[in-house]
Protein backbone atom coordinates (compact mmCIF):
# COMPACT_ATOMS: atom_id res chain seq x y z
CA MET A 1 91.75 116.38 118.07
CA LEU A 2 89.99 117.35 114.86
CA HIS A 3 93.46 117.92 113.22
CA LEU A 4 94.09 114.21 113.61
CA ILE A 5 91.10 113.44 111.07
CA THR A 6 92.46 113.28 107.51
CA GLU A 7 90.70 114.31 104.19
CA GLU A 8 90.73 110.60 103.39
CA ASP A 9 88.91 109.83 106.76
CA ILE A 10 86.23 112.59 105.91
CA GLU A 11 85.79 111.11 102.35
CA GLN A 12 85.32 107.69 103.83
CA ALA A 13 82.81 108.85 106.35
CA VAL A 14 80.97 110.76 103.71
CA ASP A 15 80.84 107.65 101.36
CA TYR A 16 79.73 105.47 104.34
CA LEU A 17 76.82 107.87 105.12
CA ALA A 18 75.77 108.17 101.53
CA ASN A 19 75.44 104.36 101.46
CA THR A 20 74.10 103.87 104.93
CA LEU A 21 71.72 106.60 105.92
CA PRO A 22 68.03 106.21 104.66
CA LYS A 23 67.46 108.16 101.43
CA GLU A 24 64.77 110.13 103.34
CA THR A 25 67.26 111.44 105.68
CA LEU A 26 69.74 112.53 102.97
CA GLU A 27 66.96 114.04 100.95
CA TYR A 28 65.92 116.03 104.10
CA ALA A 29 69.41 117.13 104.50
CA TYR A 30 69.74 118.07 100.80
CA ASP A 31 66.53 120.10 101.06
CA HIS A 32 67.97 121.83 104.23
CA ILE A 33 71.17 122.82 102.29
CA GLU A 34 69.17 124.12 99.26
CA GLY A 35 67.11 126.23 101.53
CA SER A 36 63.72 124.61 101.03
CA GLN A 37 63.70 123.32 104.54
CA PRO A 38 65.11 126.21 106.50
CA ASN A 39 64.38 124.91 110.06
CA HIS A 40 68.00 124.43 111.29
CA ILE A 41 66.87 123.49 114.84
CA LEU A 42 64.74 120.65 113.48
CA PHE A 43 67.40 119.46 111.17
CA HIS A 44 70.07 119.62 113.83
CA PHE A 45 68.15 117.66 116.42
CA GLY A 46 66.27 115.47 113.88
CA ILE A 47 69.26 114.00 112.23
CA LYS A 48 72.36 114.57 114.45
CA ASP A 49 71.84 111.59 116.63
CA ARG A 50 71.21 109.22 113.59
CA VAL A 51 74.34 110.43 111.99
CA LYS A 52 76.62 110.08 115.02
CA CYS A 53 75.18 106.63 115.71
CA ALA A 54 75.64 105.52 112.06
CA LEU A 55 79.35 106.86 112.16
CA LYS A 56 79.99 104.94 115.39
CA GLU A 57 78.45 101.75 113.84
CA GLY A 58 80.72 102.14 110.80
CA ASP A 59 83.65 102.20 113.02
CA PHE A 60 84.38 105.80 112.81
CA ASP A 61 85.07 105.74 116.54
CA TRP A 62 86.06 109.48 116.95
CA ASN A 63 85.47 111.04 120.15
CA ASP A 64 82.11 112.85 120.72
CA ASP A 65 83.62 116.38 120.25
CA ILE A 66 84.81 115.30 116.77
CA HIS A 67 81.48 113.74 115.96
CA ASP A 68 79.88 117.07 117.01
CA ASP A 69 82.03 119.04 114.95
CA LEU A 70 81.80 116.98 111.77
CA TRP A 71 78.34 115.47 111.61
CA GLU A 72 76.55 118.40 109.71
CA ARG A 73 79.55 118.75 107.31
CA LEU A 74 79.66 115.07 106.51
CA THR A 75 75.82 114.90 106.15
CA HIS A 76 75.82 117.82 103.79
CA LYS A 77 78.53 116.10 101.72
CA ALA A 78 76.81 112.67 101.75
CA ALA A 79 73.45 114.44 100.64
CA GLN A 80 75.17 116.49 97.89
CA GLN A 81 76.84 113.34 96.75
CA ILE A 82 73.35 111.50 96.18
CA PHE A 83 71.19 114.41 95.02
CA LYS A 84 73.43 117.16 93.53
CA LYS A 85 73.20 116.99 89.71
């Protein structure tokens, strides 16, 4: 099913998350990416459900397997979009 998601869909989801998720959540994700918050389990369980709910609320009504496969990548890209300079 993942092959049915286009790069355009991914970019729209990234933009949506960048504009929807609280800045604190994106900052935490960005710090995780940059290595200053290395606790992967806390990152995974602390943010995953929020991201999946936000995507579903934003009409990214992909099945749960796709959400599970993409949530971290989308969150990383959204955080980089906001904080990377």
